[in-house]
Amino acid sequence: MIFAPGFGEREQRRRDALTRQERWLAQQQDELRPELRLAADVRRRLRAVAGRAGISPEQGRAQFAEHARMNDDGMVRVDPFLPR
């Protein structure tokens, strides 16, 4: 079989990309990544609180998530806390 010039390089890049993707997928399966979905009014309130505390909305959401707890009945609650 005759291959075009550069075929070996492209094939190697493809194999390297597949290897990186497989490694990334394996890492994603090993990590527990919580997802936080909030209603628009809750997001606005959190953004306002973060602004008053002098932190970014992302930092505010991260702190909010740090304080979130799940009750025995599966409901999520957040105890009162002061953003830092």
Protein backbone atom coordinates (compact mmCIF):
# COMPACT_ATOMS: atom_id res chain seq x y z
CA MET A 1 0.00 0.00 0.00
CA ILE A 2 1.28 3.48 -0.86
CA PHE A 3 0.51 6.34 1.53
CA ALA A 4 0.64 10.07 0.91
CA PRO A 5 3.56 11.99 2.45
CA GLY A 6 2.88 12.88 6.06
CA PHE A 7 0.46 9.98 6.55
CA GLY A 8 2.53 8.51 9.38
CA GLU A 9 2.63 11.83 11.19
CA ARG A 10 -1.13 12.30 10.91
CA GLU A 11 -1.75 8.76 12.09
CA GLN A 12 0.54 9.32 15.08
CA ARG A 13 -1.24 12.59 15.96
CA ARG A 14 -4.58 10.79 15.73
CA ARG A 15 -3.38 8.01 18.03
CA ASP A 16 -1.98 10.57 20.49
CA ALA A 17 -5.28 12.47 20.49
CA LEU A 18 -7.23 9.26 21.12
CA THR A 19 -4.89 8.35 23.98
CA ARG A 20 -5.35 11.80 25.56
CA GLN A 21 -9.13 11.54 25.16
CA GLU A 22 -9.21 8.08 26.77
CA ARG A 23 -7.08 9.34 29.66
CA TRP A 24 -9.37 12.37 30.11
CA LEU A 25 -12.52 10.20 30.04
CA ALA A 26 -11.04 7.83 32.63
CA GLN A 27 -10.19 10.81 34.85
CA GLN A 28 -13.72 12.19 34.52
CA GLN A 29 -15.17 8.88 35.67
CA ASP A 30 -12.92 8.92 38.75
CA GLU A 31 -13.96 12.41 39.84
CA LEU A 32 -17.15 13.34 41.61
CA ARG A 33 -18.28 16.62 40.11
CA PRO A 34 -21.31 18.23 41.70
CA GLU A 35 -23.60 20.32 39.55
CA LEU A 36 -25.56 23.19 40.99
CA ARG A 37 -28.63 24.45 39.14
CA LEU A 38 -30.44 27.43 40.57
CA ALA A 39 -33.58 29.31 39.65
CA ALA A 40 -33.07 32.75 38.12
CA ASP A 41 -34.28 34.61 41.21
CA VAL A 42 -31.89 32.63 43.43
CA ARG A 43 -29.00 33.37 41.06
CA ARG A 44 -29.81 37.08 41.18
CA ARG A 45 -29.87 37.05 44.98
CA LEU A 46 -26.58 35.16 45.16
CA ARG A 47 -25.01 37.60 42.69
CA ALA A 48 -26.19 40.53 44.83
CA VAL A 49 -24.86 38.95 48.04
CA ALA A 50 -21.52 38.22 46.37
CA GLY A 51 -21.30 41.82 45.17
CA ARG A 52 -21.96 43.16 48.66
CA ALA A 53 -19.32 40.78 50.07
CA GLY A 54 -16.79 41.97 47.47
CA ILE A 55 -16.37 38.59 45.80
CA SER A 56 -17.17 37.36 42.31
CA PRO A 57 -20.43 35.50 41.63
CA GLU A 58 -18.38 32.36 40.92
CA GLN A 59 -16.71 32.59 44.32
CA GLY A 60 -20.11 33.13 45.92
CA ARG A 61 -21.55 30.04 44.22
CA ALA A 62 -18.51 28.01 45.25
CA GLN A 63 -18.95 29.04 48.88
CA PHE A 64 -22.69 28.37 48.63
CA ALA A 65 -21.94 24.87 47.33
CA GLU A 66 -19.39 24.27 50.12
CA HIS A 67 -22.10 24.87 52.71
CA ALA A 68 -24.82 22.82 51.00
CA ARG A 69 -25.90 19.65 52.80
CA MET A 70 -28.38 16.95 51.91
CA ASN A 71 -30.93 15.92 54.50
CA ASP A 72 -32.02 12.32 55.07
CA ASP A 73 -35.08 12.94 52.91
CA GLY A 74 -32.92 14.05 49.95
CA MET A 75 -33.61 17.77 50.25
CA VAL A 76 -30.65 20.10 49.92
CA ARG A 77 -30.29 22.87 52.45
CA VAL A 78 -27.69 25.52 53.11
CA ASP A 79 -27.07 26.66 56.65
CA PRO A 80 -26.60 30.40 57.13
CA PHE A 81 -23.03 31.58 56.56
CA LEU A 82 -21.12 34.78 55.86
CA PRO A 83 -19.35 34.94 52.49
CA ARG A 84 -15.63 35.53 52.86
